[in-house]
């Protein structure tokens, strides 16, 4: 709630600053980035708390779809808004959407945090029968379990609207703040950094903010002052993102239900025991789709073909990006569920850093070496990252065991 409210304030700030000084605008962007980041960590970590393991891939892919499709649909709408009403109204429209979202969250997402005795998820008779206990003892334990369940007081709807609940004495806010740093530099979770799909954050077709999207697509589709292949105006540039949205939908299906089906297949072959690495074979599909999308987009753009060539390539690339991002997040959460929030903070920080560096250098790099070279280099980096999943598939369990022992020792 706090991050959304402050994001809305930042959008109003940017709307006012868009017609004033550049320094004021950049300050507003920094303010927006600070309070936009928590959303990327809260949602995926909540998925691990709410949904079962065999459904998790589907819901993580749905989350990924909301992010990437938002990056695709947002520029389509804002392109027309900017062309017709100017940059100021683009930010004001976003501020209005955030305000509506805050109202929905307040009234539609009640506080459900519970601290106290929980009933066992297994039937008491089954649990105690395996231990050879008596019938009378089973009944006694069952009564205690039911009593614990029935003792939870019902809350009124008004009481669920409060923004916080009881504090958990076992949770240290200081440790929670420091753990993401330990994930990166403390040796606690060293291979989490390698689990992030590179192309999703480095492709100029998939920027996490509207302005970045327009910056890069303006260069690619409209062209720089010395290189104008298609001369698209703002609204035409926005329509290009429809291709990315369609690609995201396809990638969502492939990385959600298909990945879950692949993992379930390997689970059955493993006598019903699920391992996080059983999702990784789907990365082969993601790698192939990514490579195909890059080749089509880069080659057709370089050859100055009809605009449909690079647009179709960007759509295929978007499907691969969706798959890579979803599979990386799902695998990370499956491996380290107890650090779900810290993992998402770390992944979001790395993603933002890569996105910032990429946006800083992309135009100069394309000017110097051309789009074909740039895209093929980044594709090669992605294929190397994907190839690392072969090692994780066969040795991931060993690495996770070592990491768990190290983390336990450090704590």
Protein backbone atom coordinates (compact mmCIF):
# COMPACT_ATOMS: atom_id res chain seq x y z
CA UNK A 1 0.00 0.00 0.00
CA UNK A 2 2.75 2.43 0.93
CA UNK A 3 4.77 1.73 -2.22
CA UNK A 4 1.72 2.17 -4.46
CA UNK A 5 0.70 5.45 -2.84
CA UNK A 6 4.23 6.81 -3.18
CA UNK A 7 4.41 5.58 -6.78
CA UNK A 8 1.25 7.55 -7.53
CA UNK A 9 2.79 10.65 -5.99
CA UNK A 10 5.92 10.08 -8.09
CA UNK A 11 3.84 9.88 -11.28
CA UNK A 12 2.17 13.21 -10.49
CA UNK A 13 5.62 14.62 -9.79
CA UNK A 14 6.86 13.37 -13.20
CA UNK A 15 3.80 14.76 -14.95
CA UNK A 16 4.62 18.23 -13.60
CA UNK A 17 8.36 17.85 -14.17
CA UNK A 18 7.97 16.65 -17.79
CA UNK A 19 7.41 20.24 -18.91
CA UNK A 20 10.09 21.72 -16.64
CA UNK A 21 13.74 20.99 -15.88
CA UNK A 22 15.53 17.74 -16.70
CA UNK A 23 17.09 17.53 -13.22
CA UNK A 24 13.65 17.65 -11.58
CA UNK A 25 12.45 14.92 -13.94
CA UNK A 26 15.42 12.64 -13.14
CA UNK A 27 14.85 13.15 -9.41
CA UNK A 28 11.25 12.05 -9.89
CA UNK A 29 12.40 8.94 -11.76
CA UNK A 30 14.68 8.02 -8.87
CA UNK A 31 11.84 8.51 -6.41
CA UNK A 32 9.57 6.34 -8.57
CA UNK A 33 12.17 3.58 -8.88
CA UNK A 34 12.66 3.34 -5.12
CA UNK A 35 8.99 2.68 -4.44
CA UNK A 36 8.31 0.61 -7.54
CA UNK A 37 10.85 -2.06 -6.56
CA UNK A 38 8.98 -3.64 -3.57
CA UNK A 39 6.17 -4.83 -5.85
CA UNK A 40 8.56 -7.06 -7.78
CA UNK A 41 9.62 -8.86 -4.60
CA UNK A 42 6.32 -9.12 -2.73
CA UNK A 43 4.21 -10.86 -5.36
CA UNK A 44 6.46 -13.84 -6.27
CA UNK A 45 7.32 -14.53 -2.63
CA UNK A 46 3.60 -14.54 -1.80
CA UNK A 47 3.04 -17.21 -4.46
CA UNK A 48 5.25 -19.64 -2.54
CA UNK A 49 3.15 -19.09 0.58
CA UNK A 50 -0.24 -19.56 -1.06
CA UNK A 51 0.05 -22.17 -3.83
CA UNK A 52 1.13 -25.80 -3.91
CA UNK A 53 4.43 -26.83 -5.51
CA UNK A 54 2.84 -28.53 -8.54
CA UNK A 55 0.86 -25.36 -9.36
CA UNK A 56 3.60 -22.86 -8.65
CA UNK A 57 4.96 -22.67 -12.18
CA UNK A 58 1.55 -21.67 -13.51
CA UNK A 59 1.10 -18.81 -11.06
CA UNK A 60 4.68 -17.54 -11.37
CA UNK A 61 4.18 -17.48 -15.14
CA UNK A 62 0.93 -15.55 -14.62
CA UNK A 63 2.89 -13.04 -12.54
CA UNK A 64 5.54 -12.85 -15.25
CA UNK A 65 2.83 -12.29 -17.84
CA UNK A 66 1.44 -9.38 -15.84
CA UNK A 67 4.90 -7.77 -15.77
CA UNK A 68 5.95 -8.36 -19.37
CA UNK A 69 2.51 -7.81 -20.88
CA UNK A 70 2.30 -4.60 -18.88
CA UNK A 71 5.56 -3.57 -20.53
CA UNK A 72 3.96 -4.40 -23.88
CA UNK A 73 0.44 -3.00 -23.48
CA UNK A 74 1.55 0.10 -21.55
CA UNK A 75 3.58 1.55 -24.42
CA UNK A 76 0.72 0.86 -26.87
CA UNK A 77 -1.62 3.02 -24.81
CA UNK A 78 0.92 5.64 -23.77
CA UNK A 79 2.10 6.03 -27.38
CA UNK A 80 -1.32 7.37 -28.38
CA UNK A 81 -1.62 9.42 -25.19
CA UNK A 82 1.76 11.03 -25.79
CA UNK A 83 1.00 11.72 -29.45
CA UNK A 84 -2.40 13.24 -28.73
CA UNK A 85 -2.03 14.82 -25.27
CA UNK A 86 1.72 14.95 -24.53
CA UNK A 87 4.07 13.26 -22.03
CA UNK A 88 2.40 14.93 -19.05
CA UNK A 89 -0.86 13.04 -19.52
CA UNK A 90 0.97 9.73 -19.92
CA UNK A 91 2.12 10.01 -16.31
CA UNK A 92 -1.23 11.34 -15.10
CA UNK A 93 -3.05 8.34 -16.58
CA UNK A 94 -0.66 5.98 -14.76
CA UNK A 95 -1.24 7.92 -11.53
CA UNK A 96 -5.01 7.45 -11.94
CA UNK A 97 -4.59 3.70 -12.52
CA UNK A 98 -2.41 3.42 -9.40
CA UNK A 99 -5.01 5.31 -7.36
CA UNK A 100 -7.71 2.89 -8.53
CA UNK A 101 -5.41 -0.03 -7.67
CA UNK A 102 -4.87 1.32 -4.15
CA UNK A 103 -8.63 1.41 -3.57
CA UNK A 104 -8.99 -2.17 -4.84
CA UNK A 105 -6.16 -3.38 -2.60
CA UNK A 106 -7.53 -1.68 0.48
CA UNK A 107 -11.04 -3.11 0.17
CA UNK A 108 -10.28 -6.36 -1.67
CA UNK A 109 -7.08 -7.67 -0.05
CA UNK A 110 -7.76 -8.17 3.67
CA UNK A 111 -5.01 -8.76 6.19
CA UNK A 112 -4.77 -12.56 6.65
CA UNK A 113 -1.59 -12.90 8.69
CA UNK A 114 -1.96 -15.51 11.43
CA UNK A 115 0.42 -16.26 14.30
CA UNK A 116 -0.51 -19.10 16.61
CA UNK A 117 -1.12 -22.83 16.88
CA UNK A 118 -1.87 -24.55 13.61
CA UNK A 119 -3.59 -27.89 13.08
CA UNK A 120 -1.60 -30.65 11.38
CA UNK A 121 -2.21 -30.98 7.63
CA UNK A 122 -2.23 -34.77 8.01
CA UNK A 123 -5.00 -36.76 9.65
CA UNK A 124 -3.99 -37.51 13.27
CA UNK A 125 -4.93 -41.17 12.87
CA UNK A 126 -2.60 -41.62 9.92
CA UNK A 127 0.30 -39.81 11.53
CA UNK A 128 0.13 -41.69 14.81
CA UNK A 129 -0.64 -45.05 13.26
CA UNK A 130 2.75 -44.95 11.60
CA UNK A 131 4.29 -44.42 15.03
CA UNK A 132 2.40 -47.29 16.59
CA UNK A 133 0.44 -45.26 19.12
CA UNK A 134 -2.81 -46.38 20.75
CA UNK A 135 -6.32 -45.55 19.59
CA UNK A 136 -7.06 -43.54 22.75
CA UNK A 137 -3.94 -41.44 22.25
CA UNK A 138 -4.92 -40.74 18.64
CA UNK A 139 -8.29 -39.45 19.74
CA UNK A 140 -6.72 -37.20 22.37
CA UNK A 141 -4.30 -35.65 19.90
CA UNK A 142 -7.09 -35.17 17.38
CA UNK A 143 -9.16 -33.36 19.97
CA UNK A 144 -6.27 -31.00 20.75
CA UNK A 145 -5.74 -30.35 17.06
CA UNK A 146 -9.40 -29.54 16.49
CA UNK A 147 -9.46 -27.35 19.57
CA UNK A 148 -6.51 -25.39 18.26
CA UNK A 149 -8.28 -24.91 14.95
CA UNK A 150 -11.58 -23.90 16.48
CA UNK A 151 -9.96 -21.43 18.85
CA UNK A 152 -9.06 -19.03 16.04
CA UNK A 153 -11.46 -16.08 16.43
CA UNK A 154 -13.43 -14.86 13.45
CA UNK A 155 -12.67 -11.32 12.32
CA UNK A 156 -15.16 -8.77 11.13
CA UNK A 157 -14.70 -7.36 7.64
CA UNK A 158 -13.86 -3.97 9.10
CA UNK A 159 -11.06 -5.45 11.23
CA UNK A 160 -9.48 -7.09 8.17
CA UNK A 161 -9.05 -3.67 6.56
CA UNK A 162 -6.25 -2.70 8.93
CA UNK A 163 -2.88 -2.45 7.22
CA UNK A 164 -0.90 -4.59 9.66
CA UNK A 165 -1.32 -7.50 12.04
CA UNK A 166 0.54 -8.98 14.98
CA UNK A 167 4.34 -9.00 14.85
CA UNK A 168 6.08 -12.36 14.60
CA UNK A 169 8.69 -12.47 17.39
CA UNK A 170 10.77 -14.99 15.42
CA UNK A 171 11.33 -12.52 12.56
CA UNK A 172 14.11 -9.95 12.84
CA UNK A 173 13.63 -6.89 10.64
CA UNK A 174 17.37 -6.20 10.73
CA UNK A 175 18.23 -9.70 9.49
CA UNK A 176 15.54 -9.53 6.84
CA UNK A 177 17.07 -6.29 5.57
CA UNK A 178 20.61 -7.72 5.43
CA UNK A 179 19.83 -11.15 3.95
CA UNK A 180 19.58 -9.99 0.31
CA UNK A 181 23.14 -8.66 0.58
CA UNK A 182 24.27 -12.00 1.99
CA UNK A 183 22.64 -13.78 -0.92
CA UNK A 184 24.99 -11.97 -3.30
CA UNK A 185 28.22 -11.34 -1.37
CA UNK A 186 28.08 -13.68 1.60
CA UNK A 187 28.38 -16.99 -0.19
CA UNK A 188 25.01 -18.08 1.16
CA UNK A 189 23.29 -18.44 -2.24
CA UNK A 190 26.04 -17.95 -4.83
CA UNK A 191 24.40 -19.54 -7.86
CA UNK A 192 21.17 -17.56 -7.56
CA UNK A 193 22.87 -14.82 -9.59
CA UNK A 194 23.27 -17.25 -12.50
CA UNK A 195 19.62 -18.24 -12.43
CA UNK A 196 18.44 -14.93 -13.87
CA UNK A 197 17.66 -15.02 -17.60
CA UNK A 198 19.94 -12.44 -19.18
CA UNK A 199 17.97 -11.54 -22.28
CA UNK A 200 14.84 -10.61 -20.40
CA UNK A 201 16.69 -7.72 -18.80
CA UNK A 202 19.01 -6.77 -21.63
CA UNK A 203 16.74 -6.82 -24.66
CA UNK A 204 15.78 -3.37 -25.93
CA UNK A 205 12.33 -4.81 -26.58
CA UNK A 206 11.65 -5.47 -22.91
CA UNK A 207 12.25 -2.41 -20.84
CA UNK A 208 10.68 -2.25 -17.37
CA UNK A 209 9.50 1.34 -17.79
CA UNK A 210 7.57 3.15 -20.48
CA UNK A 211 10.20 5.79 -21.14
CA UNK A 212 12.95 3.19 -21.60
CA UNK A 213 10.74 1.29 -24.02
CA UNK A 214 10.19 4.37 -26.13
CA UNK A 215 13.86 5.30 -26.03
CA UNK A 216 15.04 2.00 -27.45
CA UNK A 217 12.19 1.37 -29.86
CA UNK A 218 12.43 4.94 -31.12
CA UNK A 219 16.02 4.15 -32.01
CA UNK A 220 15.26 0.77 -33.61
CA UNK A 221 11.99 1.54 -35.42
CA UNK A 222 12.03 5.29 -35.97
CA UNK A 223 15.83 5.46 -36.17
CA UNK A 224 18.47 7.87 -34.91
CA UNK A 225 19.19 11.10 -36.75
CA UNK A 226 21.69 9.38 -39.04
CA UNK A 227 19.87 6.07 -39.47
CA UNK A 228 16.12 5.95 -40.16
CA UNK A 229 14.96 2.52 -41.41
CA UNK A 230 11.17 2.74 -40.86
CA UNK A 231 10.32 6.27 -39.67
CA UNK A 232 7.47 5.17 -37.35
CA UNK A 233 5.72 7.88 -35.37
CA UNK A 234 4.88 7.48 -31.67
CA UNK A 235 1.57 5.66 -32.18
CA UNK A 236 3.08 3.22 -34.71
CA UNK A 237 5.95 2.51 -32.32
CA UNK A 238 3.40 1.73 -29.62
CA UNK A 239 1.56 -0.72 -31.86
CA UNK A 240 4.78 -2.71 -32.28
CA UNK A 241 4.40 -3.78 -28.66
CA UNK A 242 1.30 -5.80 -29.52
CA UNK A 243 3.73 -8.35 -30.94
CA UNK A 244 5.48 -8.51 -27.58
CA UNK A 245 2.18 -9.03 -25.77
CA UNK A 246 1.26 -11.98 -28.00
CA UNK A 247 4.71 -13.44 -27.46
CA UNK A 248 4.30 -13.08 -23.70
CA UNK A 249 1.03 -15.00 -23.83
CA UNK A 250 2.70 -17.87 -25.67
CA UNK A 251 5.67 -17.82 -23.31
CA UNK A 252 3.35 -17.89 -20.31
CA UNK A 253 1.72 -21.10 -21.48
CA UNK A 254 5.04 -22.75 -22.30
CA UNK A 255 6.67 -21.79 -19.00
CA UNK A 256 3.59 -22.43 -16.84
CA UNK A 257 1.41 -25.47 -17.63
CA UNK A 258 4.01 -27.04 -19.95
CA UNK A 259 6.85 -26.65 -17.44
CA UNK A 260 4.65 -28.06 -14.67
CA UNK A 261 3.76 -31.03 -16.91
CA UNK A 262 7.45 -31.68 -17.64
CA UNK A 263 8.28 -31.50 -13.93
CA UNK A 264 5.38 -33.84 -13.09
CA UNK A 265 6.67 -36.33 -15.68
CA UNK A 266 10.11 -36.45 -14.08
CA UNK A 267 8.48 -36.62 -10.64
CA UNK A 268 6.58 -39.77 -11.60
CA UNK A 269 9.80 -41.31 -12.91
CA UNK A 270 11.44 -40.44 -9.59
CA UNK A 271 8.92 -42.42 -7.49
CA UNK A 272 6.85 -39.32 -6.74
CA UNK A 273 9.72 -37.26 -5.27
CA UNK A 274 9.85 -33.74 -6.72
CA UNK A 275 13.17 -31.95 -7.21
CA UNK A 276 13.46 -28.27 -8.29
CA UNK A 277 15.73 -29.28 -11.19
CA UNK A 278 12.87 -31.13 -12.87
CA UNK A 279 11.65 -27.84 -14.37
CA UNK A 280 14.97 -27.12 -16.07
CA UNK A 281 14.53 -29.26 -19.23
CA UNK A 282 11.97 -26.69 -20.38
CA UNK A 283 14.87 -24.23 -20.67
CA UNK A 284 15.87 -26.00 -23.90
CA UNK A 285 12.63 -24.78 -25.47
CA UNK A 286 13.22 -21.28 -24.13
CA UNK A 287 16.77 -21.21 -25.52
CA UNK A 288 15.59 -22.30 -28.97
CA UNK A 289 12.77 -19.73 -29.07
CA UNK A 290 15.11 -16.97 -27.92
CA UNK A 291 17.68 -17.80 -30.60
CA UNK A 292 15.04 -17.95 -33.33
CA UNK A 293 13.57 -14.61 -32.28
CA UNK A 294 16.98 -12.93 -32.20
CA UNK A 295 18.00 -14.21 -35.61
CA UNK A 296 14.73 -13.16 -37.26
CA UNK A 297 14.69 -9.70 -35.65
CA UNK A 298 18.38 -8.93 -36.19
CA UNK A 299 18.70 -10.27 -39.74
CA UNK A 300 15.49 -8.69 -41.08
CA UNK A 301 16.27 -5.36 -39.46
CA UNK A 302 19.82 -5.42 -40.78
CA UNK A 303 18.55 -6.25 -44.30
CA UNK A 304 15.92 -3.46 -44.12
CA UNK A 305 13.08 -5.83 -44.96
CA UNK A 306 9.40 -5.04 -44.45
CA UNK A 307 8.69 -3.93 -40.88
CA UNK A 308 6.82 -7.19 -40.25
CA UNK A 309 10.17 -9.02 -40.16
CA UNK A 310 11.64 -7.42 -37.01
CA UNK A 311 8.21 -7.10 -35.40
CA UNK A 312 7.60 -10.86 -35.70
CA UNK A 313 11.13 -11.49 -34.45
CA UNK A 314 10.51 -9.29 -31.41
CA UNK A 315 7.32 -11.25 -30.66
CA UNK A 316 9.14 -14.60 -30.79
CA UNK A 317 11.91 -13.13 -28.66
CA UNK A 318 9.31 -11.96 -26.14
CA UNK A 319 8.04 -15.53 -25.79
CA UNK A 320 11.57 -16.73 -25.03
CA UNK A 321 12.11 -13.88 -22.57
CA UNK A 322 8.87 -14.71 -20.77
CA UNK A 323 9.92 -18.35 -20.45
CA UNK A 324 13.42 -17.53 -19.25
CA UNK A 325 12.27 -15.08 -16.59
CA UNK A 326 9.53 -17.39 -15.30
CA UNK A 327 11.68 -20.52 -15.19
CA UNK A 328 14.49 -18.67 -13.42
CA UNK A 329 12.17 -17.27 -10.75
CA UNK A 330 10.32 -20.56 -10.27
CA UNK A 331 13.52 -22.57 -9.95
CA UNK A 332 14.97 -20.10 -7.46
CA UNK A 333 11.81 -20.18 -5.32
CA UNK A 334 11.63 -23.98 -5.45
CA UNK A 335 15.26 -24.25 -4.31
CA UNK A 336 15.09 -21.71 -1.49
CA UNK A 337 11.50 -21.22 -0.41
CA UNK A 338 12.61 -20.03 3.04
CA UNK A 339 14.35 -17.06 1.41
CA UNK A 340 11.69 -16.25 -1.17
CA UNK A 341 11.46 -12.56 -0.30
CA UNK A 342 15.23 -12.11 -0.16
CA UNK A 343 15.65 -13.90 -3.48
CA UNK A 344 13.17 -11.65 -5.23
CA UNK A 345 14.81 -8.54 -3.78
CA UNK A 346 18.17 -9.76 -5.08
CA UNK A 347 16.82 -10.71 -8.52
CA UNK A 348 15.01 -7.37 -8.83
CA UNK A 349 18.17 -5.47 -7.89
CA UNK A 350 20.28 -7.37 -10.43
CA UNK A 351 17.62 -6.90 -13.09
CA UNK A 352 17.41 -3.17 -12.48
CA UNK A 353 21.20 -2.84 -12.58
CA UNK A 354 21.45 -4.73 -15.88
CA UNK A 355 18.56 -2.70 -17.33
CA UNK A 356 20.20 0.57 -16.34
CA UNK A 357 23.59 -0.39 -17.82
CA UNK A 358 21.96 -1.67 -21.00
CA UNK A 359 19.92 1.49 -21.51
CA UNK A 360 23.04 3.55 -20.94
CA UNK A 361 25.13 1.83 -23.63
CA UNK A 362 22.69 0.38 -26.20
CA UNK A 363 22.44 3.33 -28.60
CA UNK A 364 26.21 3.90 -28.79
CA UNK A 365 26.85 0.18 -29.20
CA UNK A 366 24.39 -0.16 -32.08
CA UNK A 367 25.83 3.00 -33.71
CA UNK A 368 29.32 1.54 -33.56
CA UNK A 369 28.73 -2.14 -34.43
CA UNK A 370 25.22 -2.36 -35.83
CA UNK A 371 22.12 -4.12 -34.54
CA UNK A 372 23.05 -7.51 -36.03
CA UNK A 373 26.29 -7.72 -34.08
CA UNK A 374 24.76 -6.46 -30.84
CA UNK A 375 21.85 -8.89 -30.90
CA UNK A 376 23.97 -11.89 -31.84
CA UNK A 377 26.43 -11.13 -29.01
CA UNK A 378 23.63 -10.93 -26.46
CA UNK A 379 22.10 -14.12 -27.90
CA UNK A 380 25.41 -15.89 -27.39
CA UNK A 381 25.47 -14.73 -23.76
CA UNK A 382 21.96 -16.06 -23.26
CA UNK A 383 22.79 -19.44 -24.77
CA UNK A 384 25.78 -19.76 -22.42
CA UNK A 385 23.52 -18.97 -19.46
CA UNK A 386 20.98 -21.53 -20.66
CA UNK A 387 23.74 -24.11 -21.09
CA UNK A 388 24.53 -23.74 -17.38
CA UNK A 389 21.15 -25.32 -16.61
CA UNK A 390 22.58 -28.65 -17.82
CA UNK A 391 25.05 -28.52 -14.93
CA UNK A 392 22.29 -27.54 -12.52
CA UNK A 393 20.05 -30.37 -13.75
CA UNK A 394 22.64 -33.01 -12.83
CA UNK A 395 24.45 -31.29 -9.92
CA UNK A 396 21.82 -28.90 -8.56
CA UNK A 397 20.90 -31.14 -5.65
CA UNK A 398 24.55 -31.35 -4.57
CA UNK A 399 24.90 -27.58 -4.76
CA UNK A 400 21.68 -27.02 -2.82
CA UNK A 401 22.82 -29.40 -0.07
CA UNK A 402 26.14 -27.61 0.24
CA UNK A 403 24.45 -24.20 0.27
CA UNK A 404 21.97 -25.34 2.92
CA UNK A 405 24.78 -26.54 5.19
CA UNK A 406 26.68 -23.28 4.65
CA UNK A 407 23.63 -21.15 5.36
CA UNK A 408 22.78 -23.13 8.51
CA UNK A 409 26.34 -22.77 9.75
CA UNK A 410 26.38 -19.02 9.11
CA UNK A 411 23.16 -18.56 11.05
